[in-house]
Amino acid sequence: MSNYDPNYAAAQRGVSTDRVGAEVDQGLRSHMLKVYNYMALGVAGTALVTLFLMNNPALLRTLVGGPMIWVWFIAILGLGFLAPRLIFSRSTFLAHLAFWAYAALWGVIIAPMVFRFFAINAGDLVFRAFAITALTFGATSLYGYVTKRDLTGFSSFFVMGSIGLLIAIVVNALFFKSTMMSFVTSSLVVLLFAGVTAWETQQIKEMYYENDGTATLKSKAIMGAFMLYGSFVTLFVHILNLLGIMRGND
């Protein structure tokens, strides 16, 4: 948690704490709006990449056919690790490059899954999954924004849970190929990332409150969007997988 107290800083300058509180609150709302706007644009960018590949089946097969899907999977994990450093490099170009490259990579990863649903006349599940994801994300992010409870203590659990589920998903995809295991892991991922979304939203607020000047606010907005975007798209993928299994399109 941040040690910066805007009210204390205002008192030192002889400024009304009511005034500074209103300014901070308005500033935070503006900052969060930027975060959500960036995130929404990232989701839209992913959808465009996915739509483009779906309309070019030959290119889709070339890019993600066979073992190539694992190349993209490793690339997205690597960029997920590297992106925060690029975003906070104080280069706006690198920050945007990291974010949009991440969104584009997810578009490539998602395209085969979405294409398969439309190919078997189950495209309605894609739209249903998106709607459920939006509602789940909105509710949990709102909770993270308004709650007074400190969610920092859950961070280690979220990290370990994510690693454990990632390993289980990869093992199942490579060896067991079990529909039941896929259903269980996707259910756990949805529950876990609902919590992650709330925690990330609270962390974005804390990043805003940190007294490190306005020069990094744009980087903070992009980083916040990067965090929430990753949770949104992860929720979408696994909710869609659950809907497909329940309909029998596994």
C-alpha atoms as a PDB file:
ATOM      1  CA  MET A   1       0.000   0.000   0.000  1.00  0.00           C
ATOM      2  CA  SER A   2       1.149   3.555  -0.715  1.00  0.00           C
ATOM      3  CA  ASN A   3       2.475   5.729   2.120  1.00  0.00           C
ATOM      4  CA  TYR A   4       1.477   8.923   0.337  1.00  0.00           C
ATOM      5  CA  ASP A   5      -1.253  10.919   2.085  1.00  0.00           C
ATOM      6  CA  PRO A   6      -2.637  13.692  -0.153  1.00  0.00           C
ATOM      7  CA  ASN A   7      -4.401  15.302   2.809  1.00  0.00           C
ATOM      8  CA  TYR A   8      -1.164  15.533   4.801  1.00  0.00           C
ATOM      9  CA  ALA A   9       0.641  16.986   1.788  1.00  0.00           C
ATOM     10  CA  ALA A  10      -2.139  19.551   1.367  1.00  0.00           C
ATOM     11  CA  ALA A  11      -1.979  20.536   5.039  1.00  0.00           C
ATOM     12  CA  GLN A  12       1.745  21.168   4.685  1.00  0.00           C
ATOM     13  CA  ARG A  13       0.985  23.586   1.836  1.00  0.00           C
ATOM     14  CA  GLY A  14      -1.922  25.221   3.667  1.00  0.00           C
ATOM     15  CA  VAL A  15      -4.496  23.859   1.219  1.00  0.00           C
ATOM     16  CA  SER A  16      -7.916  22.660   2.382  1.00  0.00           C
ATOM     17  CA  THR A  17      -8.041  18.889   2.769  1.00  0.00           C
ATOM     18  CA  ASP A  18     -11.619  18.943   1.453  1.00  0.00           C
ATOM     19  CA  ARG A  19     -10.402  20.603  -1.703  1.00  0.00           C
ATOM     20  CA  VAL A  20      -7.501  18.232  -2.240  1.00  0.00           C
ATOM     21  CA  GLY A  21      -9.761  15.268  -1.529  1.00  0.00           C
ATOM     22  CA  ALA A  22     -12.146  16.392  -4.258  1.00  0.00           C
ATOM     23  CA  GLU A  23      -9.242  16.960  -6.657  1.00  0.00           C
ATOM     24  CA  VAL A  24      -7.775  13.524  -5.982  1.00  0.00           C
ATOM     25  CA  ASP A  25     -11.175  11.869  -6.346  1.00  0.00           C
ATOM     26  CA  GLN A  26     -11.796  13.608  -9.669  1.00  0.00           C
ATOM     27  CA  GLY A  27      -8.267  12.810 -10.794  1.00  0.00           C
ATOM     28  CA  LEU A  28      -8.704   9.154  -9.873  1.00  0.00           C
ATOM     29  CA  ARG A  29     -11.968   8.897 -11.801  1.00  0.00           C
ATOM     30  CA  SER A  30     -10.306  10.450 -14.827  1.00  0.00           C
ATOM     31  CA  HIS A  31      -7.355   8.069 -14.506  1.00  0.00           C
ATOM     32  CA  MET A  32      -9.580   4.993 -14.185  1.00  0.00           C
ATOM     33  CA  LEU A  33     -11.557   6.110 -17.234  1.00  0.00           C
ATOM     34  CA  LYS A  34      -8.315   6.218 -19.224  1.00  0.00           C
ATOM     35  CA  VAL A  35      -7.438   2.743 -17.969  1.00  0.00           C
ATOM     36  CA  TYR A  36     -10.806   1.293 -18.989  1.00  0.00           C
ATOM     37  CA  ASN A  37     -10.700   3.075 -22.348  1.00  0.00           C
ATOM     38  CA  TYR A  38      -7.268   1.647 -23.134  1.00  0.00           C
ATOM     39  CA  MET A  39      -8.447  -1.788 -22.040  1.00  0.00           C
ATOM     40  CA  ALA A  40     -11.589  -1.599 -24.190  1.00  0.00           C
ATOM     41  CA  LEU A  41      -9.513  -0.554 -27.194  1.00  0.00           C
ATOM     42  CA  GLY A  42      -7.207  -3.488 -26.532  1.00  0.00           C
ATOM     43  CA  VAL A  43     -10.170  -5.883 -26.509  1.00  0.00           C
ATOM     44  CA  ALA A  44     -11.425  -4.319 -29.740  1.00  0.00           C
ATOM     45  CA  GLY A  45      -7.976  -4.717 -31.292  1.00  0.00           C
ATOM     46  CA  THR A  46      -7.903  -8.377 -30.301  1.00  0.00           C
ATOM     47  CA  ALA A  47     -11.340  -8.872 -31.856  1.00  0.00           C
ATOM     48  CA  LEU A  48     -10.167  -7.286 -35.116  1.00  0.00           C
ATOM     49  CA  VAL A  49      -7.112  -9.567 -35.313  1.00  0.00           C
ATOM     50  CA  THR A  50      -9.290 -12.596 -34.566  1.00  0.00           C
ATOM     51  CA  LEU A  51     -11.881 -11.562 -37.168  1.00  0.00           C
ATOM     52  CA  PHE A  52      -9.196 -10.983 -39.787  1.00  0.00           C
ATOM     53  CA  LEU A  53      -7.688 -14.431 -39.249  1.00  0.00           C
ATOM     54  CA  MET A  54     -11.104 -16.112 -39.222  1.00  0.00           C
ATOM     55  CA  ASN A  55     -11.785 -14.598 -42.644  1.00  0.00           C
ATOM     56  CA  ASN A  56      -8.452 -15.891 -43.919  1.00  0.00           C
ATOM     57  CA  PRO A  57      -8.457 -19.614 -43.031  1.00  0.00           C
ATOM     58  CA  ALA A  58      -5.287 -20.366 -44.989  1.00  0.00           C
ATOM     59  CA  LEU A  59      -3.348 -17.730 -43.064  1.00  0.00           C
ATOM     60  CA  LEU A  60      -4.901 -18.947 -39.819  1.00  0.00           C
ATOM     61  CA  ARG A  61      -3.727 -22.505 -40.485  1.00  0.00           C
ATOM     62  CA  THR A  62      -0.242 -21.256 -41.363  1.00  0.00           C
ATOM     63  CA  LEU A  63       0.086 -19.157 -38.234  1.00  0.00           C
ATOM     64  CA  VAL A  64      -1.394 -21.484 -35.642  1.00  0.00           C
ATOM     65  CA  GLY A  65      -1.497 -24.896 -37.269  1.00  0.00           C
ATOM     66  CA  GLY A  66       0.118 -27.808 -35.460  1.00  0.00           C
ATOM     67  CA  PRO A  67       2.891 -26.902 -33.019  1.00  0.00           C
ATOM     68  CA  MET A  68       2.872 -23.228 -34.078  1.00  0.00           C
ATOM     69  CA  ILE A  69       0.186 -22.499 -31.495  1.00  0.00           C
ATOM     70  CA  TRP A  70       2.743 -23.250 -28.778  1.00  0.00           C
ATOM     71  CA  VAL A  71       5.159 -20.737 -30.293  1.00  0.00           C
ATOM     72  CA  TRP A  72       2.508 -18.033 -29.913  1.00  0.00           C
ATOM     73  CA  PHE A  73       1.672 -19.278 -26.440  1.00  0.00           C
ATOM     74  CA  ILE A  74       5.298 -18.964 -25.327  1.00  0.00           C
ATOM     75  CA  ALA A  75       5.520 -15.563 -27.010  1.00  0.00           C
ATOM     76  CA  ILE A  76       2.533 -14.255 -25.098  1.00  0.00           C
ATOM     77  CA  LEU A  77       3.931 -15.527 -21.794  1.00  0.00           C
ATOM     78  CA  GLY A  78       7.269 -13.892 -22.558  1.00  0.00           C
ATOM     79  CA  LEU A  79       5.689 -10.585 -23.490  1.00  0.00           C
ATOM     80  CA  GLY A  80       3.513 -10.735 -20.389  1.00  0.00           C
ATOM     81  CA  PHE A  81       6.704 -10.913 -18.325  1.00  0.00           C
ATOM     82  CA  LEU A  82       8.575  -8.250 -20.315  1.00  0.00           C
ATOM     83  CA  ALA A  83       5.768  -5.747 -20.929  1.00  0.00           C
ATOM     84  CA  PRO A  84       5.757  -4.061 -17.475  1.00  0.00           C
ATOM     85  CA  ARG A  85       9.408  -3.118 -17.919  1.00  0.00           C
ATOM     86  CA  LEU A  86       8.694  -1.673 -21.358  1.00  0.00           C
ATOM     87  CA  ILE A  87       5.620   0.208 -20.148  1.00  0.00           C
ATOM     88  CA  PHE A  88       7.551   1.847 -17.311  1.00  0.00           C
ATOM     89  CA  SER A  89      10.596   2.589 -19.465  1.00  0.00           C
ATOM     90  CA  ARG A  90       9.309   6.199 -19.743  1.00  0.00           C
ATOM     91  CA  SER A  91       9.013   5.719 -23.493  1.00  0.00           C
ATOM     92  CA  THR A  92       5.425   6.234 -24.633  1.00  0.00           C
ATOM     93  CA  PHE A  93       6.214   4.422 -27.868  1.00  0.00           C
ATOM     94  CA  LEU A  94       7.507   1.312 -26.077  1.00  0.00           C
ATOM     95  CA  ALA A  95       4.572   1.374 -23.661  1.00  0.00           C
ATOM     96  CA  HIS A  96       2.053   1.414 -26.499  1.00  0.00           C
ATOM     97  CA  LEU A  97       4.062  -1.147 -28.478  1.00  0.00           C
ATOM     98  CA  ALA A  98       4.031  -3.596 -25.557  1.00  0.00           C
ATOM     99  CA  PHE A  99       0.307  -3.179 -24.954  1.00  0.00           C
ATOM    100  CA  TRP A 100      -0.827  -3.441 -28.569  1.00  0.00           C
ATOM    101  CA  ALA A 101       1.540  -6.322 -29.340  1.00  0.00           C
ATOM    102  CA  TYR A 102       0.072  -8.170 -26.351  1.00  0.00           C
ATOM    103  CA  ALA A 103      -3.474  -7.549 -27.596  1.00  0.00           C
ATOM    104  CA  ALA A 104      -2.536  -8.693 -31.112  1.00  0.00           C
ATOM    105  CA  LEU A 105      -0.897 -11.883 -29.821  1.00  0.00           C
ATOM    106  CA  TRP A 106      -4.059 -12.741 -27.903  1.00  0.00           C
ATOM    107  CA  GLY A 107      -6.020 -12.233 -31.112  1.00  0.00           C
ATOM    108  CA  VAL A 108      -3.846 -14.850 -32.812  1.00  0.00           C
ATOM    109  CA  ILE A 109      -4.200 -17.256 -29.879  1.00  0.00           C
ATOM    110  CA  ILE A 110      -7.987 -16.888 -29.654  1.00  0.00           C
ATOM    111  CA  ALA A 111      -8.701 -17.044 -33.389  1.00  0.00           C
ATOM    112  CA  PRO A 112      -8.623 -20.872 -33.782  1.00  0.00           C
ATOM    113  CA  MET A 113     -10.959 -21.364 -30.811  1.00  0.00           C
ATOM    114  CA  VAL A 114     -13.484 -18.788 -32.007  1.00  0.00           C
ATOM    115  CA  PHE A 115     -13.237 -20.064 -35.593  1.00  0.00           C
ATOM    116  CA  ARG A 116     -14.081 -23.582 -34.434  1.00  0.00           C
ATOM    117  CA  PHE A 117     -17.218 -22.413 -32.635  1.00  0.00           C
ATOM    118  CA  PHE A 118     -18.491 -20.610 -35.712  1.00  0.00           C
ATOM    119  CA  ALA A 119     -17.561 -23.570 -37.907  1.00  0.00           C
ATOM    120  CA  ILE A 120     -19.888 -25.861 -35.916  1.00  0.00           C
ATOM    121  CA  ASN A 121     -22.708 -23.293 -35.836  1.00  0.00           C
ATOM    122  CA  ALA A 122     -22.117 -22.407 -32.199  1.00  0.00           C
ATOM    123  CA  GLY A 123     -21.183 -18.790 -32.754  1.00  0.00           C
ATOM    124  CA  ASP A 124     -23.895 -17.705 -30.333  1.00  0.00           C
ATOM    125  CA  LEU A 125     -21.740 -19.105 -27.517  1.00  0.00           C
ATOM    126  CA  VAL A 126     -18.994 -16.642 -28.403  1.00  0.00           C
ATOM    127  CA  PHE A 127     -21.328 -13.676 -27.934  1.00  0.00           C
ATOM    128  CA  ARG A 128     -22.800 -15.235 -24.792  1.00  0.00           C
ATOM    129  CA  ALA A 129     -19.331 -15.792 -23.361  1.00  0.00           C
ATOM    130  CA  PHE A 130     -18.416 -12.195 -24.100  1.00  0.00           C
ATOM    131  CA  ALA A 131     -21.549 -10.917 -22.345  1.00  0.00           C
ATOM    132  CA  ILE A 132     -20.917 -13.102 -19.278  1.00  0.00           C
ATOM    133  CA  THR A 133     -17.289 -12.011 -19.222  1.00  0.00           C
ATOM    134  CA  ALA A 134     -18.239  -8.331 -19.391  1.00  0.00           C
ATOM    135  CA  LEU A 135     -20.713  -8.714 -16.519  1.00  0.00           C
ATOM    136  CA  THR A 136     -18.279 -10.715 -14.387  1.00  0.00           C
ATOM    137  CA  PHE A 137     -15.431  -8.336 -15.088  1.00  0.00           C
ATOM    138  CA  GLY A 138     -17.551  -5.258 -14.436  1.00  0.00           C
ATOM    139  CA  ALA A 139     -18.872  -6.554 -11.115  1.00  0.00           C
ATOM    140  CA  THR A 140     -15.501  -7.678  -9.770  1.00  0.00           C
ATOM    141  CA  SER A 141     -13.647  -4.575 -10.966  1.00  0.00           C
ATOM    142  CA  LEU A 142     -16.307  -2.377  -9.344  1.00  0.00           C
ATOM    143  CA  TYR A 143     -15.840  -4.300  -6.104  1.00  0.00           C
ATOM    144  CA  GLY A 144     -12.103  -3.742  -6.264  1.00  0.00           C
ATOM    145  CA  TYR A 145     -12.680  -0.037  -6.829  1.00  0.00           C
ATOM    146  CA  VAL A 146     -15.114   0.614  -3.985  1.00  0.00           C
ATOM    147  CA  THR A 147     -14.060  -1.888  -1.307  1.00  0.00           C
ATOM    148  CA  LYS A 148     -12.215  -0.617   1.745  1.00  0.00           C
ATOM    149  CA  ARG A 149     -10.746  -4.056   2.366  1.00  0.00           C
ATOM    150  CA  ASP A 150      -7.047  -4.380   1.598  1.00  0.00           C
ATOM    151  CA  LEU A 151      -6.714  -7.172  -0.980  1.00  0.00           C
ATOM    152  CA  THR A 152      -2.909  -7.123  -1.020  1.00  0.00           C
ATOM    153  CA  GLY A 153      -2.751 -10.236   1.163  1.00  0.00           C
ATOM    154  CA  PHE A 154      -4.308 -12.280  -1.633  1.00  0.00           C
ATOM    155  CA  SER A 155      -1.540 -11.460  -4.119  1.00  0.00           C
ATOM    156  CA  SER A 156       0.632 -14.486  -3.277  1.00  0.00           C
ATOM    157  CA  PHE A 157      -2.378 -16.787  -3.544  1.00  0.00           C
ATOM    158  CA  PHE A 158      -3.281 -15.327  -6.938  1.00  0.00           C
ATOM    159  CA  VAL A 159       0.254 -15.771  -8.233  1.00  0.00           C
ATOM    160  CA  MET A 160       0.618 -19.349  -7.021  1.00  0.00           C
ATOM    161  CA  GLY A 161      -2.892 -20.242  -8.164  1.00  0.00           C
ATOM    162  CA  SER A 162      -2.220 -18.857 -11.636  1.00  0.00           C
ATOM    163  CA  ILE A 163       1.026 -20.804 -11.956  1.00  0.00           C
ATOM    164  CA  GLY A 164      -0.599 -24.025 -10.747  1.00  0.00           C
ATOM    165  CA  LEU A 165      -3.546 -23.713 -13.112  1.00  0.00           C
ATOM    166  CA  LEU A 166      -1.283 -22.834 -16.039  1.00  0.00           C
ATOM    167  CA  ILE A 167       0.727 -25.992 -15.447  1.00  0.00           C
ATOM    168  CA  ALA A 168      -2.463 -28.075 -15.155  1.00  0.00           C
ATOM    169  CA  ILE A 169      -3.843 -26.628 -18.401  1.00  0.00           C
ATOM    170  CA  VAL A 170      -0.633 -27.284 -20.322  1.00  0.00           C
ATOM    171  CA  VAL A 171      -0.304 -30.832 -18.959  1.00  0.00           C
ATOM    172  CA  ASN A 172      -3.904 -31.613 -19.844  1.00  0.00           C
ATOM    173  CA  ALA A 173      -3.509 -30.171 -23.348  1.00  0.00           C
ATOM    174  CA  LEU A 174      -0.349 -32.161 -24.024  1.00  0.00           C
ATOM    175  CA  PHE A 175      -1.010 -35.474 -22.306  1.00  0.00           C
ATOM    176  CA  PHE A 176      -4.416 -36.200 -20.791  1.00  0.00           C
ATOM    177  CA  LYS A 177      -6.698 -34.272 -23.154  1.00  0.00           C
ATOM    178  CA  SER A 178      -9.475 -34.769 -20.605  1.00  0.00           C
ATOM    179  CA  THR A 179     -12.722 -32.848 -21.072  1.00  0.00           C
ATOM    180  CA  MET A 180     -13.512 -33.171 -17.379  1.00  0.00           C
ATOM    181  CA  MET A 181     -10.116 -31.806 -16.375  1.00  0.00           C
ATOM    182  CA  SER A 182     -10.573 -28.971 -18.861  1.00  0.00           C
ATOM    183  CA  PHE A 183     -13.939 -28.151 -17.293  1.00  0.00           C
ATOM    184  CA  VAL A 184     -12.492 -28.173 -13.774  1.00  0.00           C
ATOM    185  CA  THR A 185      -9.454 -26.047 -14.632  1.00  0.00           C
ATOM    186  CA  SER A 186     -11.533 -23.515 -16.578  1.00  0.00           C
ATOM    187  CA  SER A 187     -13.975 -23.247 -13.665  1.00  0.00           C
ATOM    188  CA  LEU A 188     -11.106 -22.595 -11.271  1.00  0.00           C
ATOM    189  CA  VAL A 189      -9.546 -20.059 -13.648  1.00  0.00           C
ATOM    190  CA  VAL A 190     -12.814 -18.105 -13.813  1.00  0.00           C
ATOM    191  CA  LEU A 191     -13.097 -18.033 -10.027  1.00  0.00           C
ATOM    192  CA  LEU A 192      -9.444 -17.112  -9.585  1.00  0.00           C
ATOM    193  CA  PHE A 193      -9.418 -14.314 -12.151  1.00  0.00           C
ATOM    194  CA  ALA A 194     -12.626 -12.833 -10.820  1.00  0.00           C
ATOM    195  CA  GLY A 195     -10.610 -12.259  -7.649  1.00  0.00           C
ATOM    196  CA  VAL A 196      -7.543 -11.141  -9.605  1.00  0.00           C
ATOM    197  CA  THR A 197      -9.643  -8.490 -11.374  1.00  0.00           C
ATOM    198  CA  ALA A 198     -10.755  -6.992  -8.063  1.00  0.00           C
ATOM    199  CA  TRP A 199      -7.194  -7.043  -6.715  1.00  0.00           C
ATOM    200  CA  GLU A 200      -5.767  -5.497  -9.886  1.00  0.00           C
ATOM    201  CA  THR A 201      -8.333  -2.679  -9.801  1.00  0.00           C
ATOM    202  CA  GLN A 202      -7.321  -1.858  -6.247  1.00  0.00           C
ATOM    203  CA  GLN A 203      -3.649  -1.952  -7.245  1.00  0.00           C
ATOM    204  CA  ILE A 204      -4.323   0.474 -10.101  1.00  0.00           C
ATOM    205  CA  LYS A 205      -5.826   2.894  -7.586  1.00  0.00           C
ATOM    206  CA  GLU A 206      -2.764   2.512  -5.374  1.00  0.00           C
ATOM    207  CA  MET A 207      -0.434   3.168  -8.316  1.00  0.00           C
ATOM    208  CA  TYR A 208      -2.326   6.376  -8.995  1.00  0.00           C
ATOM    209  CA  TYR A 209      -1.966   7.552  -5.398  1.00  0.00           C
ATOM    210  CA  GLU A 210       1.797   6.980  -5.359  1.00  0.00           C
ATOM    211  CA  ASN A 211       3.508  10.365  -5.219  1.00  0.00           C
ATOM    212  CA  ASP A 212       5.949   9.963  -8.110  1.00  0.00           C
ATOM    213  CA  GLY A 213       4.865  12.892 -10.265  1.00  0.00           C
ATOM    214  CA  THR A 214       2.577  13.202 -13.253  1.00  0.00           C
ATOM    215  CA  ALA A 215       5.206  12.133 -15.774  1.00  0.00           C
ATOM    216  CA  THR A 216       4.371   8.459 -15.252  1.00  0.00           C
ATOM    217  CA  LEU A 217       0.571   8.777 -15.170  1.00  0.00           C
ATOM    218  CA  LYS A 218       0.239   7.768 -18.820  1.00  0.00           C
ATOM    219  CA  SER A 219       2.467   4.747 -18.190  1.00  0.00           C
ATOM    220  CA  LYS A 220       0.359   3.880 -15.154  1.00  0.00           C
ATOM    221  CA  ALA A 221      -2.819   4.076 -17.246  1.00  0.00           C
ATOM    222  CA  ILE A 222      -1.367   1.776 -19.899  1.00  0.00           C
ATOM    223  CA  MET A 223      -0.062  -0.602 -17.237  1.00  0.00           C
ATOM    224  CA  GLY A 224      -3.471  -0.685 -15.559  1.00  0.00           C
ATOM    225  CA  ALA A 225      -5.117  -1.420 -18.905  1.00  0.00           C
ATOM    226  CA  PHE A 226      -2.548  -4.155 -19.546  1.00  0.00           C
ATOM    227  CA  MET A 227      -3.347  -5.799 -16.212  1.00  0.00           C
ATOM    228  CA  LEU A 228      -7.116  -5.654 -16.596  1.00  0.00           C
ATOM    229  CA  TYR A 229      -7.014  -6.624 -20.265  1.00  0.00           C
ATOM    230  CA  GLY A 230      -5.135  -9.817 -19.412  1.00  0.00           C
ATOM    231  CA  SER A 231      -7.753 -10.749 -16.826  1.00  0.00           C
ATOM    232  CA  PHE A 232     -10.641  -9.932 -19.171  1.00  0.00           C
ATOM    233  CA  VAL A 233      -9.360 -12.032 -22.046  1.00  0.00           C
ATOM    234  CA  THR A 234      -8.463 -14.909 -19.712  1.00  0.00           C
ATOM    235  CA  LEU A 235     -11.996 -14.882 -18.296  1.00  0.00           C
ATOM    236  CA  PHE A 236     -13.437 -14.838 -21.818  1.00  0.00           C
ATOM    237  CA  VAL A 237     -11.396 -17.802 -23.048  1.00  0.00           C
ATOM    238  CA  HIS A 238     -12.316 -19.999 -20.109  1.00  0.00           C
ATOM    239  CA  ILE A 239     -15.966 -18.975 -19.942  1.00  0.00           C
ATOM    240  CA  LEU A 240     -16.233 -19.806 -23.647  1.00  0.00           C
ATOM    241  CA  ASN A 241     -14.562 -23.157 -22.998  1.00  0.00           C
ATOM    242  CA  LEU A 242     -17.050 -23.905 -20.209  1.00  0.00           C
ATOM    243  CA  LEU A 243     -20.030 -23.013 -22.411  1.00  0.00           C
ATOM    244  CA  GLY A 244     -18.688 -25.197 -25.198  1.00  0.00           C
ATOM    245  CA  ILE A 245     -18.221 -28.176 -22.896  1.00  0.00           C
ATOM    246  CA  MET A 246     -21.681 -27.770 -21.386  1.00  0.00           C
ATOM    247  CA  ARG A 247     -23.222 -27.714 -24.859  1.00  0.00           C
ATOM    248  CA  GLY A 248     -21.150 -30.707 -25.878  1.00  0.00           C
ATOM    249  CA  ASN A 249     -18.865 -28.883 -28.320  1.00  0.00           C
ATOM    250  CA  ASP A 250     -15.689 -30.101 -26.658  1.00  0.00           C
END
